[in-house]
Amino acid sequence: LISLRLNPSHQDIRIQIREQLDFATIL
């Protein structure tokens, strides 16, 4: 699942937004 999440073909807008939220939480 982690590998699939990193695959560009699965990088839809929801994942991109969620990823940015994760980055902001880390910061």
mmCIF file of all heavy atoms, coordinates in Angstrom:
data_MODEL
# 
_entry.id   MODEL 
# 
loop_
_atom_site.group_PDB 
_atom_site.id 
_atom_site.type_symbol 
_atom_site.label_atom_id 
_atom_site.label_alt_id 
_atom_site.label_comp_id 
_atom_site.label_asym_id 
_atom_site.label_entity_id 
_atom_site.label_seq_id 
_atom_site.pdbx_PDB_ins_code 
_atom_site.Cartn_x 
_atom_site.Cartn_y 
_atom_site.Cartn_z 
_atom_site.occupancy 
_atom_site.B_iso_or_equiv 
_atom_site.pdbx_formal_charge 
_atom_site.auth_seq_id 
_atom_site.auth_comp_id 
_atom_site.auth_asym_id 
_atom_site.auth_atom_id 
_atom_site.pdbx_PDB_model_num 
ATOM 1   N N   . LEU A 1 1  ? 0.826   -1.215 0.000   1.00 0.00 ? 1  LEU A N   1 
ATOM 2   C CA  . LEU A 1 1  ? 0.000   0.000  0.000   1.00 0.00 ? 1  LEU A CA  1 
ATOM 3   C C   . LEU A 1 1  ? 0.858   1.263  0.000   1.00 0.00 ? 1  LEU A C   1 
ATOM 4   O O   . LEU A 1 1  ? 0.543   2.234  -0.691  1.00 0.00 ? 1  LEU A O   1 
ATOM 5   C CB  . LEU A 1 1  ? -0.941  0.007  1.215   1.00 0.00 ? 1  LEU A CB  1 
ATOM 6   C CG  . LEU A 1 1  ? -2.076  -1.019 1.200   1.00 0.00 ? 1  LEU A CG  1 
ATOM 7   C CD1 . LEU A 1 1  ? -2.918  -0.888 2.462   1.00 0.00 ? 1  LEU A CD1 1 
ATOM 8   C CD2 . LEU A 1 1  ? -2.950  -0.860 -0.035  1.00 0.00 ? 1  LEU A CD2 1 
ATOM 9   N N   . ILE A 1 2  ? 1.948   1.242  0.760   1.00 0.00 ? 2  ILE A N   1 
ATOM 10  C CA  . ILE A 1 2  ? 2.855   2.401  0.773   1.00 0.00 ? 2  ILE A CA  1 
ATOM 11  C C   . ILE A 1 2  ? 3.450   2.612  -0.615  1.00 0.00 ? 2  ILE A C   1 
ATOM 12  O O   . ILE A 1 2  ? 3.521   3.735  -1.123  1.00 0.00 ? 2  ILE A O   1 
ATOM 13  C CB  . ILE A 1 2  ? 3.977   2.209  1.821   1.00 0.00 ? 2  ILE A CB  1 
ATOM 14  C CG1 . ILE A 1 2  ? 3.398   2.238  3.239   1.00 0.00 ? 2  ILE A CG1 1 
ATOM 15  C CG2 . ILE A 1 2  ? 5.050   3.296  1.672   1.00 0.00 ? 2  ILE A CG2 1 
ATOM 16  C CD1 . ILE A 1 2  ? 4.396   1.858  4.321   1.00 0.00 ? 2  ILE A CD1 1 
ATOM 17  N N   . SER A 1 3  ? 3.861   1.506  -1.248  1.00 0.00 ? 3  SER A N   1 
ATOM 18  C CA  . SER A 1 3  ? 4.433   1.588  -2.590  1.00 0.00 ? 3  SER A CA  1 
ATOM 19  C C   . SER A 1 3  ? 3.414   2.137  -3.589  1.00 0.00 ? 3  SER A C   1 
ATOM 20  O O   . SER A 1 3  ? 3.742   2.976  -4.419  1.00 0.00 ? 3  SER A O   1 
ATOM 21  C CB  . SER A 1 3  ? 4.901   0.194  -3.032  1.00 0.00 ? 3  SER A CB  1 
ATOM 22  O OG  . SER A 1 3  ? 5.297   0.202  -4.381  1.00 0.00 ? 3  SER A OG  1 
ATOM 23  N N   . LEU A 1 4  ? 2.162   1.675  -3.495  1.00 0.00 ? 4  LEU A N   1 
ATOM 24  C CA  . LEU A 1 4  ? 1.118   2.155  -4.394  1.00 0.00 ? 4  LEU A CA  1 
ATOM 25  C C   . LEU A 1 4  ? 0.830   3.637  -4.171  1.00 0.00 ? 4  LEU A C   1 
ATOM 26  O O   . LEU A 1 4  ? 0.555   4.375  -5.114  1.00 0.00 ? 4  LEU A O   1 
ATOM 27  C CB  . LEU A 1 4  ? -0.174  1.346  -4.192  1.00 0.00 ? 4  LEU A CB  1 
ATOM 28  C CG  . LEU A 1 4  ? -0.162  -0.097 -4.711  1.00 0.00 ? 4  LEU A CG  1 
ATOM 29  C CD1 . LEU A 1 4  ? -1.412  -0.844 -4.275  1.00 0.00 ? 4  LEU A CD1 1 
ATOM 30  C CD2 . LEU A 1 4  ? -0.024  -0.132 -6.225  1.00 0.00 ? 4  LEU A CD2 1 
ATOM 31  N N   . ARG A 1 5  ? 0.908   4.055  -2.917  1.00 0.00 ? 5  ARG A N   1 
ATOM 32  C CA  . ARG A 1 5  ? 0.657   5.470  -2.604  1.00 0.00 ? 5  ARG A CA  1 
ATOM 33  C C   . ARG A 1 5  ? 1.711   6.369  -3.249  1.00 0.00 ? 5  ARG A C   1 
ATOM 34  O O   . ARG A 1 5  ? 1.432   7.512  -3.620  1.00 0.00 ? 5  ARG A O   1 
ATOM 35  C CB  . ARG A 1 5  ? 0.669   5.665  -1.090  1.00 0.00 ? 5  ARG A CB  1 
ATOM 36  C CG  . ARG A 1 5  ? 0.206   7.049  -0.637  1.00 0.00 ? 5  ARG A CG  1 
ATOM 37  C CD  . ARG A 1 5  ? 0.233   7.135  0.885   1.00 0.00 ? 5  ARG A CD  1 
ATOM 38  N NE  . ARG A 1 5  ? -0.339  8.390  1.351   1.00 0.00 ? 5  ARG A NE  1 
ATOM 39  C CZ  . ARG A 1 5  ? 0.314   9.545  1.407   1.00 0.00 ? 5  ARG A CZ  1 
ATOM 40  N NH1 . ARG A 1 5  ? 1.581   9.608  1.009   1.00 0.00 ? 5  ARG A NH1 1 
ATOM 41  N NH2 . ARG A 1 5  ? -0.275  10.633 1.855   1.00 0.00 ? 5  ARG A NH2 1 
ATOM 42  N N   . LEU A 1 6  ? 2.909   5.845  -3.395  1.00 0.00 ? 6  LEU A N   1 
ATOM 43  C CA  . LEU A 1 6  ? 4.002   6.616  -3.997  1.00 0.00 ? 6  LEU A CA  1 
ATOM 44  C C   . LEU A 1 6  ? 3.944   6.613  -5.527  1.00 0.00 ? 6  LEU A C   1 
ATOM 45  O O   . LEU A 1 6  ? 4.629   7.399  -6.175  1.00 0.00 ? 6  LEU A O   1 
ATOM 46  C CB  . LEU A 1 6  ? 5.356   6.049  -3.546  1.00 0.00 ? 6  LEU A CB  1 
ATOM 47  C CG  . LEU A 1 6  ? 5.665   6.154  -2.041  1.00 0.00 ? 6  LEU A CG  1 
ATOM 48  C CD1 . LEU A 1 6  ? 6.938   5.391  -1.709  1.00 0.00 ? 6  LEU A CD1 1 
ATOM 49  C CD2 . LEU A 1 6  ? 5.785   7.605  -1.613  1.00 0.00 ? 6  LEU A CD2 1 
ATOM 50  N N   . ASN A 1 7  ? 3.118   5.737  -6.080  1.00 0.00 ? 7  ASN A N   1 
ATOM 51  C CA  . ASN A 1 7  ? 3.013   5.631  -7.538  1.00 0.00 ? 7  ASN A CA  1 
ATOM 52  C C   . ASN A 1 7  ? 2.290   6.859  -8.097  1.00 0.00 ? 7  ASN A C   1 
ATOM 53  O O   . ASN A 1 7  ? 1.192   7.182  -7.650  1.00 0.00 ? 7  ASN A O   1 
ATOM 54  C CB  . ASN A 1 7  ? 2.237   4.361  -7.906  1.00 0.00 ? 7  ASN A CB  1 
ATOM 55  C CG  . ASN A 1 7  ? 2.352   4.019  -9.377  1.00 0.00 ? 7  ASN A CG  1 
ATOM 56  O OD1 . ASN A 1 7  ? 2.209   4.888  -10.234 1.00 0.00 ? 7  ASN A OD1 1 
ATOM 57  N ND2 . ASN A 1 7  ? 2.602   2.753  -9.665  1.00 0.00 ? 7  ASN A ND2 1 
ATOM 58  N N   . PRO A 1 8  ? 2.884   7.543  -9.069  1.00 0.00 ? 8  PRO A N   1 
ATOM 59  C CA  . PRO A 1 8  ? 2.250   8.746  -9.646  1.00 0.00 ? 8  PRO A CA  1 
ATOM 60  C C   . PRO A 1 8  ? 0.838   8.515  -10.159 1.00 0.00 ? 8  PRO A C   1 
ATOM 61  O O   . PRO A 1 8  ? -0.004  9.403  -10.100 1.00 0.00 ? 8  PRO A O   1 
ATOM 62  C CB  . PRO A 1 8  ? 3.190   9.124  -10.799 1.00 0.00 ? 8  PRO A CB  1 
ATOM 63  C CG  . PRO A 1 8  ? 4.511   8.546  -10.416 1.00 0.00 ? 8  PRO A CG  1 
ATOM 64  C CD  . PRO A 1 8  ? 4.199   7.273  -9.678  1.00 0.00 ? 8  PRO A CD  1 
ATOM 65  N N   . SER A 1 9  ? 0.553   7.304  -10.650 1.00 0.00 ? 9  SER A N   1 
ATOM 66  C CA  . SER A 1 9  ? -0.775  7.022  -11.200 1.00 0.00 ? 9  SER A CA  1 
ATOM 67  C C   . SER A 1 9  ? -1.853  7.040  -10.121 1.00 0.00 ? 9  SER A C   1 
ATOM 68  O O   . SER A 1 9  ? -3.044  7.137  -10.419 1.00 0.00 ? 9  SER A O   1 
ATOM 69  C CB  . SER A 1 9  ? -0.785  5.666  -11.911 1.00 0.00 ? 9  SER A CB  1 
ATOM 70  O OG  . SER A 1 9  ? -0.579  4.611  -10.994 1.00 0.00 ? 9  SER A OG  1 
ATOM 71  N N   . HIS A 1 10 ? -1.448  6.922  -8.850  1.00 0.00 ? 10 HIS A N   1 
ATOM 72  C CA  . HIS A 1 10 ? -2.415  6.932  -7.752  1.00 0.00 ? 10 HIS A CA  1 
ATOM 73  C C   . HIS A 1 10 ? -2.405  8.258  -6.997  1.00 0.00 ? 10 HIS A C   1 
ATOM 74  O O   . HIS A 1 10 ? -3.062  8.390  -5.968  1.00 0.00 ? 10 HIS A O   1 
ATOM 75  C CB  . HIS A 1 10 ? -2.131  5.780  -6.777  1.00 0.00 ? 10 HIS A CB  1 
ATOM 76  C CG  . HIS A 1 10 ? -2.203  4.429  -7.419  1.00 0.00 ? 10 HIS A CG  1 
ATOM 77  N ND1 . HIS A 1 10 ? -3.385  3.888  -7.902  1.00 0.00 ? 10 HIS A ND1 1 
ATOM 78  C CD2 . HIS A 1 10 ? -1.241  3.515  -7.688  1.00 0.00 ? 10 HIS A CD2 1 
ATOM 79  C CE1 . HIS A 1 10 ? -3.139  2.708  -8.425  1.00 0.00 ? 10 HIS A CE1 1 
ATOM 80  N NE2 . HIS A 1 10 ? -1.851  2.451  -8.321  1.00 0.00 ? 10 HIS A NE2 1 
ATOM 81  N N   . GLN A 1 11 ? -1.673  9.212  -7.504  1.00 0.00 ? 11 GLN A N   1 
ATOM 82  C CA  . GLN A 1 11 ? -1.574  10.515 -6.825  1.00 0.00 ? 11 GLN A CA  1 
ATOM 83  C C   . GLN A 1 11 ? -2.711  11.434 -7.263  1.00 0.00 ? 11 GLN A C   1 
ATOM 84  O O   . GLN A 1 11 ? -2.510  12.401 -7.981  1.00 0.00 ? 11 GLN A O   1 
ATOM 85  C CB  . GLN A 1 11 ? -0.216  11.164 -7.135  1.00 0.00 ? 11 GLN A CB  1 
ATOM 86  C CG  . GLN A 1 11 ? 0.968   10.487 -6.459  1.00 0.00 ? 11 GLN A CG  1 
ATOM 87  C CD  . GLN A 1 11 ? 0.998   10.746 -4.960  1.00 0.00 ? 11 GLN A CD  1 
ATOM 88  O OE1 . GLN A 1 11 ? 0.816   11.866 -4.515  1.00 0.00 ? 11 GLN A OE1 1 
ATOM 89  N NE2 . GLN A 1 11 ? 1.244   9.705  -4.188  1.00 0.00 ? 11 GLN A NE2 1 
ATOM 90  N N   . ASP A 1 12 ? -3.930  11.141 -6.807  1.00 0.00 ? 12 ASP A N   1 
ATOM 91  C CA  . ASP A 1 12 ? -5.048  12.017 -7.157  1.00 0.00 ? 12 ASP A CA  1 
ATOM 92  C C   . ASP A 1 12 ? -5.053  13.231 -6.230  1.00 0.00 ? 12 ASP A C   1 
ATOM 93  O O   . ASP A 1 12 ? -4.253  13.339 -5.305  1.00 0.00 ? 12 ASP A O   1 
ATOM 94  C CB  . ASP A 1 12 ? -6.381  11.273 -7.129  1.00 0.00 ? 12 ASP A CB  1 
ATOM 95  C CG  . ASP A 1 12 ? -6.783  10.820 -5.728  1.00 0.00 ? 12 ASP A CG  1 
ATOM 96  O OD1 . ASP A 1 12 ? -6.187  11.281 -4.737  1.00 0.00 ? 12 ASP A OD1 1 
ATOM 97  O OD2 . ASP A 1 12 ? -7.722  10.005 -5.623  1.00 0.00 ? 12 ASP A OD2 1 
ATOM 98  N N   . ILE A 1 13 ? -5.973  14.152 -6.470  1.00 0.00 ? 13 ILE A N   1 
ATOM 99  C CA  . ILE A 1 13 ? -5.975  15.426 -5.755  1.00 0.00 ? 13 ILE A CA  1 
ATOM 100 C C   . ILE A 1 13 ? -6.184  15.235 -4.263  1.00 0.00 ? 13 ILE A C   1 
ATOM 101 O O   . ILE A 1 13 ? -5.611  15.970 -3.433  1.00 0.00 ? 13 ILE A O   1 
ATOM 102 C CB  . ILE A 1 13 ? -7.055  16.375 -6.345  1.00 0.00 ? 13 ILE A CB  1 
ATOM 103 C CG1 . ILE A 1 13 ? -6.777  17.826 -5.927  1.00 0.00 ? 13 ILE A CG1 1 
ATOM 104 C CG2 . ILE A 1 13 ? -8.443  15.941 -5.957  1.00 0.00 ? 13 ILE A CG2 1 
ATOM 105 C CD1 . ILE A 1 13 ? -5.553  18.423 -6.542  1.00 0.00 ? 13 ILE A CD1 1 
ATOM 106 N N   . ARG A 1 14 ? -6.962  14.246 -3.868  1.00 0.00 ? 14 ARG A N   1 
ATOM 107 C CA  . ARG A 1 14 ? -7.208  14.009 -2.445  1.00 0.00 ? 14 ARG A CA  1 
ATOM 108 C C   . ARG A 1 14 ? -5.927  13.584 -1.733  1.00 0.00 ? 14 ARG A C   1 
ATOM 109 O O   . ARG A 1 14 ? -5.633  14.038 -0.633  1.00 0.00 ? 14 ARG A O   1 
ATOM 110 C CB  . ARG A 1 14 ? -8.288  12.944 -2.258  1.00 0.00 ? 14 ARG A CB  1 
ATOM 111 C CG  . ARG A 1 14 ? -9.642  13.371 -2.776  1.00 0.00 ? 14 ARG A CG  1 
ATOM 112 C CD  . ARG A 1 14 ? -10.682 12.273 -2.624  1.00 0.00 ? 14 ARG A CD  1 
ATOM 113 N NE  . ARG A 1 14 ? -11.927 12.649 -3.307  1.00 0.00 ? 14 ARG A NE  1 
ATOM 114 C CZ  . ARG A 1 14 ? -12.181 12.419 -4.571  1.00 0.00 ? 14 ARG A CZ  1 
ATOM 115 N NH1 . ARG A 1 14 ? -11.286 11.819 -5.325  1.00 0.00 ? 14 ARG A NH1 1 
ATOM 116 N NH2 . ARG A 1 14 ? -13.320 12.791 -5.114  1.00 0.00 ? 14 ARG A NH2 1 
ATOM 117 N N   . ILE A 1 15 ? -5.174  12.710 -2.367  1.00 0.00 ? 15 ILE A N   1 
ATOM 118 C CA  . ILE A 1 15 ? -3.917  12.249 -1.784  1.00 0.00 ? 15 ILE A CA  1 
ATOM 119 C C   . ILE A 1 15 ? -2.925  13.404 -1.702  1.00 0.00 ? 15 ILE A C   1 
ATOM 120 O O   . ILE A 1 15 ? -2.196  13.552 -0.717  1.00 0.00 ? 15 ILE A O   1 
ATOM 121 C CB  . ILE A 1 15 ? -3.330  11.071 -2.597  1.00 0.00 ? 15 ILE A CB  1 
ATOM 122 C CG1 . ILE A 1 15 ? -4.211  9.820  -2.414  1.00 0.00 ? 15 ILE A CG1 1 
ATOM 123 C CG2 . ILE A 1 15 ? -1.895  10.767 -2.173  1.00 0.00 ? 15 ILE A CG2 1 
ATOM 124 C CD1 . ILE A 1 15 ? -3.772  8.626  -3.222  1.00 0.00 ? 15 ILE A CD1 1 
ATOM 125 N N   . GLN A 1 16 ? -2.911  14.236 -2.743  1.00 0.00 ? 16 GLN A N   1 
ATOM 126 C CA  . GLN A 1 16 ? -1.995  15.392 -2.746  1.00 0.00 ? 16 GLN A CA  1 
ATOM 127 C C   . GLN A 1 16 ? -2.321  16.353 -1.604  1.00 0.00 ? 16 GLN A C   1 
ATOM 128 O O   . GLN A 1 16 ? -1.423  16.836 -0.909  1.00 0.00 ? 16 GLN A O   1 
ATOM 129 C CB  . GLN A 1 16 ? -2.084  16.119 -4.087  1.00 0.00 ? 16 GLN A CB  1 
ATOM 130 C CG  . GLN A 1 16 ? -1.507  15.344 -5.259  1.00 0.00 ? 16 GLN A CG  1 
ATOM 131 C CD  . GLN A 1 16 ? -1.786  16.012 -6.594  1.00 0.00 ? 16 GLN A CD  1 
ATOM 132 O OE1 . GLN A 1 16 ? -1.982  17.231 -6.656  1.00 0.00 ? 16 GLN A OE1 1 
ATOM 133 N NE2 . GLN A 1 16 ? -1.812  15.229 -7.662  1.00 0.00 ? 16 GLN A NE2 1 
ATOM 134 N N   . ILE A 1 17 ? -3.607  16.630 -1.402  1.00 0.00 ? 17 ILE A N   1 
ATOM 135 C CA  . ILE A 1 17 ? -4.006  17.535 -0.315  1.00 0.00 ? 17 ILE A CA  1 
ATOM 136 C C   . ILE A 1 17 ? -3.664  16.910 1.034   1.00 0.00 ? 17 ILE A C   1 
ATOM 137 O O   . ILE A 1 17 ? -3.135  17.573 1.923   1.00 0.00 ? 17 ILE A O   1 
ATOM 138 C CB  . ILE A 1 17 ? -5.522  17.848 -0.393  1.00 0.00 ? 17 ILE A CB  1 
ATOM 139 C CG1 . ILE A 1 17 ? -5.837  18.609 -1.687  1.00 0.00 ? 17 ILE A CG1 1 
ATOM 140 C CG2 . ILE A 1 17 ? -5.960  18.673 0.818   1.00 0.00 ? 17 ILE A CG2 1 
ATOM 141 C CD1 . ILE A 1 17 ? -7.326  18.717 -1.981  1.00 0.00 ? 17 ILE A CD1 1 
ATOM 142 N N   . ARG A 1 18 ? -3.982  15.616 1.175   1.00 0.00 ? 18 ARG A N   1 
ATOM 143 C CA  . ARG A 1 18 ? -3.694  14.920 2.432   1.00 0.00 ? 18 ARG A CA  1 
ATOM 144 C C   . ARG A 1 18 ? -2.194  14.892 2.709   1.00 0.00 ? 18 ARG A C   1 
ATOM 145 O O   . ARG A 1 18 ? -1.759  15.053 3.854   1.00 0.00 ? 18 ARG A O   1 
ATOM 146 C CB  . ARG A 1 18 ? -4.251  13.489 2.342   1.00 0.00 ? 18 ARG A CB  1 
ATOM 147 C CG  . ARG A 1 18 ? -4.053  12.637 3.578   1.00 0.00 ? 18 ARG A CG  1 
ATOM 148 C CD  . ARG A 1 18 ? -4.779  13.149 4.770   1.00 0.00 ? 18 ARG A CD  1 
ATOM 149 N NE  . ARG A 1 18 ? -6.217  13.153 4.596   1.00 0.00 ? 18 ARG A NE  1 
ATOM 150 C CZ  . ARG A 1 18 ? -7.055  13.633 5.500   1.00 0.00 ? 18 ARG A CZ  1 
ATOM 151 N NH1 . ARG A 1 18 ? -6.577  14.176 6.610   1.00 0.00 ? 18 ARG A NH1 1 
ATOM 152 N NH2 . ARG A 1 18 ? -8.348  13.611 5.284   1.00 0.00 ? 18 ARG A NH2 1 
ATOM 153 N N   . GLU A 1 19 ? -1.413  14.727 1.669   1.00 0.00 ? 19 GLU A N   1 
ATOM 154 C CA  . GLU A 1 19 ? 0.049   14.722 1.819   1.00 0.00 ? 19 GLU A CA  1 
ATOM 155 C C   . GLU A 1 19 ? 0.532   16.082 2.321   1.00 0.00 ? 19 GLU A C   1 
ATOM 156 O O   . GLU A 1 19 ? 1.385   16.151 3.220   1.00 0.00 ? 19 GLU A O   1 
ATOM 157 C CB  . GLU A 1 19 ? 0.693   14.391 0.471   1.00 0.00 ? 19 GLU A CB  1 
ATOM 158 C CG  . GLU A 1 19 ? 2.211   14.233 0.527   1.00 0.00 ? 19 GLU A CG  1 
ATOM 159 C CD  . GLU A 1 19 ? 2.775   13.880 -0.835  1.00 0.00 ? 19 GLU A CD  1 
ATOM 160 O OE1 . GLU A 1 19 ? 2.617   14.682 -1.780  1.00 0.00 ? 19 GLU A OE1 1 
ATOM 161 O OE2 . GLU A 1 19 ? 3.374   12.798 -0.955  1.00 0.00 ? 19 GLU A OE2 1 
ATOM 162 N N   . GLN A 1 20 ? -0.013  17.168 1.758   1.00 0.00 ? 20 GLN A N   1 
ATOM 163 C CA  . GLN A 1 20 ? 0.368   18.513 2.208   1.00 0.00 ? 20 GLN A CA  1 
ATOM 164 C C   . GLN A 1 20 ? -0.031  18.734 3.665   1.00 0.00 ? 20 GLN A C   1 
ATOM 165 O O   . GLN A 1 20 ? 0.709   19.362 4.433   1.00 0.00 ? 20 GLN A O   1 
ATOM 166 C CB  . GLN A 1 20 ? -0.303  19.571 1.318   1.00 0.00 ? 20 GLN A CB  1 
ATOM 167 C CG  . GLN A 1 20 ? 0.212   19.601 -0.111  1.00 0.00 ? 20 GLN A CG  1 
ATOM 168 C CD  . GLN A 1 20 ? 1.713   19.846 -0.196  1.00 0.00 ? 20 GLN A CD  1 
ATOM 169 O OE1 . GLN A 1 20 ? 2.220   20.816 0.358   1.00 0.00 ? 20 GLN A OE1 1 
ATOM 170 N NE2 . GLN A 1 20 ? 2.425   18.956 -0.887  1.00 0.00 ? 20 GLN A NE2 1 
ATOM 171 N N   . LEU A 1 21 ? -1.179  18.217 4.053   1.00 0.00 ? 21 LEU A N   1 
ATOM 172 C CA  . LEU A 1 21 ? -1.609  18.311 5.449   1.00 0.00 ? 21 LEU A CA  1 
ATOM 173 C C   . LEU A 1 21 ? -0.650  17.550 6.364   1.00 0.00 ? 21 LEU A C   1 
ATOM 174 O O   . LEU A 1 21 ? -0.308  18.033 7.455   1.00 0.00 ? 21 LEU A O   1 
ATOM 175 C CB  . LEU A 1 21 ? -3.037  17.768 5.586   1.00 0.00 ? 21 LEU A CB  1 
ATOM 176 C CG  . LEU A 1 21 ? -3.644  17.747 6.999   1.00 0.00 ? 21 LEU A CG  1 
ATOM 177 C CD1 . LEU A 1 21 ? -3.610  19.133 7.639   1.00 0.00 ? 21 LEU A CD1 1 
ATOM 178 C CD2 . LEU A 1 21 ? -5.066  17.206 6.958   1.00 0.00 ? 21 LEU A CD2 1 
ATOM 179 N N   . ASP A 1 22 ? -0.209  16.389 5.914   1.00 0.00 ? 22 ASP A N   1 
ATOM 180 C CA  . ASP A 1 22 ? 0.764   15.611 6.698   1.00 0.00 ? 22 ASP A CA  1 
ATOM 181 C C   . ASP A 1 22 ? 2.079   16.371 6.852   1.00 0.00 ? 22 ASP A C   1 
ATOM 182 O O   . ASP A 1 22 ? 2.670   16.413 7.942   1.00 0.00 ? 22 ASP A O   1 
ATOM 183 C CB  . ASP A 1 22 ? 1.032   14.262 6.022   1.00 0.00 ? 22 ASP A CB  1 
ATOM 184 C CG  . ASP A 1 22 ? -0.169  13.333 6.084   1.00 0.00 ? 22 ASP A CG  1 
ATOM 185 O OD1 . ASP A 1 22 ? -1.075  13.588 6.896   1.00 0.00 ? 22 ASP A OD1 1 
ATOM 186 O OD2 . ASP A 1 22 ? -0.206  12.355 5.305   1.00 0.00 ? 22 ASP A OD2 1 
ATOM 187 N N   . PHE A 1 23 ? 2.538   16.984 5.737   1.00 0.00 ? 23 PHE A N   1 
ATOM 188 C CA  . PHE A 1 23 ? 3.782   17.764 5.793   1.00 0.00 ? 23 PHE A CA  1 
ATOM 189 C C   . PHE A 1 23 ? 3.640   18.924 6.780   1.00 0.00 ? 23 PHE A C   1 
ATOM 190 O O   . PHE A 1 23 ? 4.550   19.199 7.578   1.00 0.00 ? 23 PHE A O   1 
ATOM 191 C CB  . PHE A 1 23 ? 4.132   18.322 4.404   1.00 0.00 ? 23 PHE A CB  1 
ATOM 192 C CG  . PHE A 1 23 ? 4.557   17.280 3.400   1.00 0.00 ? 23 PHE A CG  1 
ATOM 193 C CD1 . PHE A 1 23 ? 4.499   17.544 2.025   1.00 0.00 ? 23 PHE A CD1 1 
ATOM 194 C CD2 . PHE A 1 23 ? 5.007   16.038 3.806   1.00 0.00 ? 23 PHE A CD2 1 
ATOM 195 C CE1 . PHE A 1 23 ? 4.885   16.585 1.102   1.00 0.00 ? 23 PHE A CE1 1 
ATOM 196 C CE2 . PHE A 1 23 ? 5.401   15.073 2.882   1.00 0.00 ? 23 PHE A CE2 1 
ATOM 197 C CZ  . PHE A 1 23 ? 5.329   15.349 1.531   1.00 0.00 ? 23 PHE A CZ  1 
ATOM 198 N N   . ALA A 1 24 ? 2.504   19.626 6.703   1.00 0.00 ? 24 ALA A N   1 
ATOM 199 C CA  . ALA A 1 24 ? 2.281   20.772 7.592   1.00 0.00 ? 24 ALA A CA  1 
ATOM 200 C C   . ALA A 1 24 ? 2.242   20.335 9.055   1.00 0.00 ? 24 ALA A C   1 
ATOM 201 O O   . ALA A 1 24 ? 2.738   21.045 9.939   1.00 0.00 ? 24 ALA A O   1 
ATOM 202 C CB  . ALA A 1 24 ? 0.972   21.470 7.211   1.00 0.00 ? 24 ALA A CB  1 
ATOM 203 N N   . THR A 1 25 ? 1.655   19.171 9.311   1.00 0.00 ? 25 THR A N   1 
ATOM 204 C CA  . THR A 1 25 ? 1.580   18.644 10.682  1.00 0.00 ? 25 THR A CA  1 
ATOM 205 C C   . THR A 1 25 ? 2.978   18.346 11.224  1.00 0.00 ? 25 THR A C   1 
ATOM 206 O O   . THR A 1 25 ? 3.291   18.651 12.383  1.00 0.00 ? 25 THR A O   1 
ATOM 207 C CB  . THR A 1 25 ? 0.718   17.367 10.714  1.00 0.00 ? 25 THR A CB  1 
ATOM 208 O OG1 . THR A 1 25 ? -0.575  17.671 10.176  1.00 0.00 ? 25 THR A OG1 1 
ATOM 209 C CG2 . THR A 1 25 ? 0.564   16.843 12.128  1.00 0.00 ? 25 THR A CG2 1 
ATOM 210 N N   . ILE A 1 26 ? 3.830   17.777 10.362  1.00 0.00 ? 26 ILE A N   1 
ATOM 211 C CA  . ILE A 1 26 ? 5.216   17.488 10.771  1.00 0.00 ? 26 ILE A CA  1 
ATOM 212 C C   . ILE A 1 26 ? 5.951   18.786 11.105  1.00 0.00 ? 26 ILE A C   1 
ATOM 213 O O   . ILE A 1 26 ? 6.640   18.892 12.135  1.00 0.00 ? 26 ILE A O   1 
ATOM 214 C CB  . ILE A 1 26 ? 5.957   16.713 9.653   1.00 0.00 ? 26 ILE A CB  1 
ATOM 215 C CG1 . ILE A 1 26 ? 5.371   15.300 9.508   1.00 0.00 ? 26 ILE A CG1 1 
ATOM 216 C CG2 . ILE A 1 26 ? 7.455   16.646 9.937   1.00 0.00 ? 26 ILE A CG2 1 
ATOM 217 C CD1 . ILE A 1 26 ? 5.814   14.563 8.262   1.00 0.00 ? 26 ILE A CD1 1 
ATOM 218 N N   . LEU A 1 27 ? 5.803   19.800 10.247  1.00 0.00 ? 27 LEU A N   1 
ATOM 219 C CA  . LEU A 1 27 ? 6.449   21.098 10.484  1.00 0.00 ? 27 LEU A CA  1 
ATOM 220 C C   . LEU A 1 27 ? 5.934   21.751 11.767  1.00 0.00 ? 27 LEU A C   1 
ATOM 221 O O   . LEU A 1 27 ? 6.700   22.365 12.512  1.00 0.00 ? 27 LEU A O   1 
ATOM 222 C CB  . LEU A 1 27 ? 6.213   22.030 9.285   1.00 0.00 ? 27 LEU A CB  1 
ATOM 223 C CG  . LEU A 1 27 ? 6.907   21.632 7.980   1.00 0.00 ? 27 LEU A CG  1 
ATOM 224 C CD1 . LEU A 1 27 ? 6.389   22.467 6.822   1.00 0.00 ? 27 LEU A CD1 1 
ATOM 225 C CD2 . LEU A 1 27 ? 8.420   21.767 8.102   1.00 0.00 ? 27 LEU A CD2 1 
# 
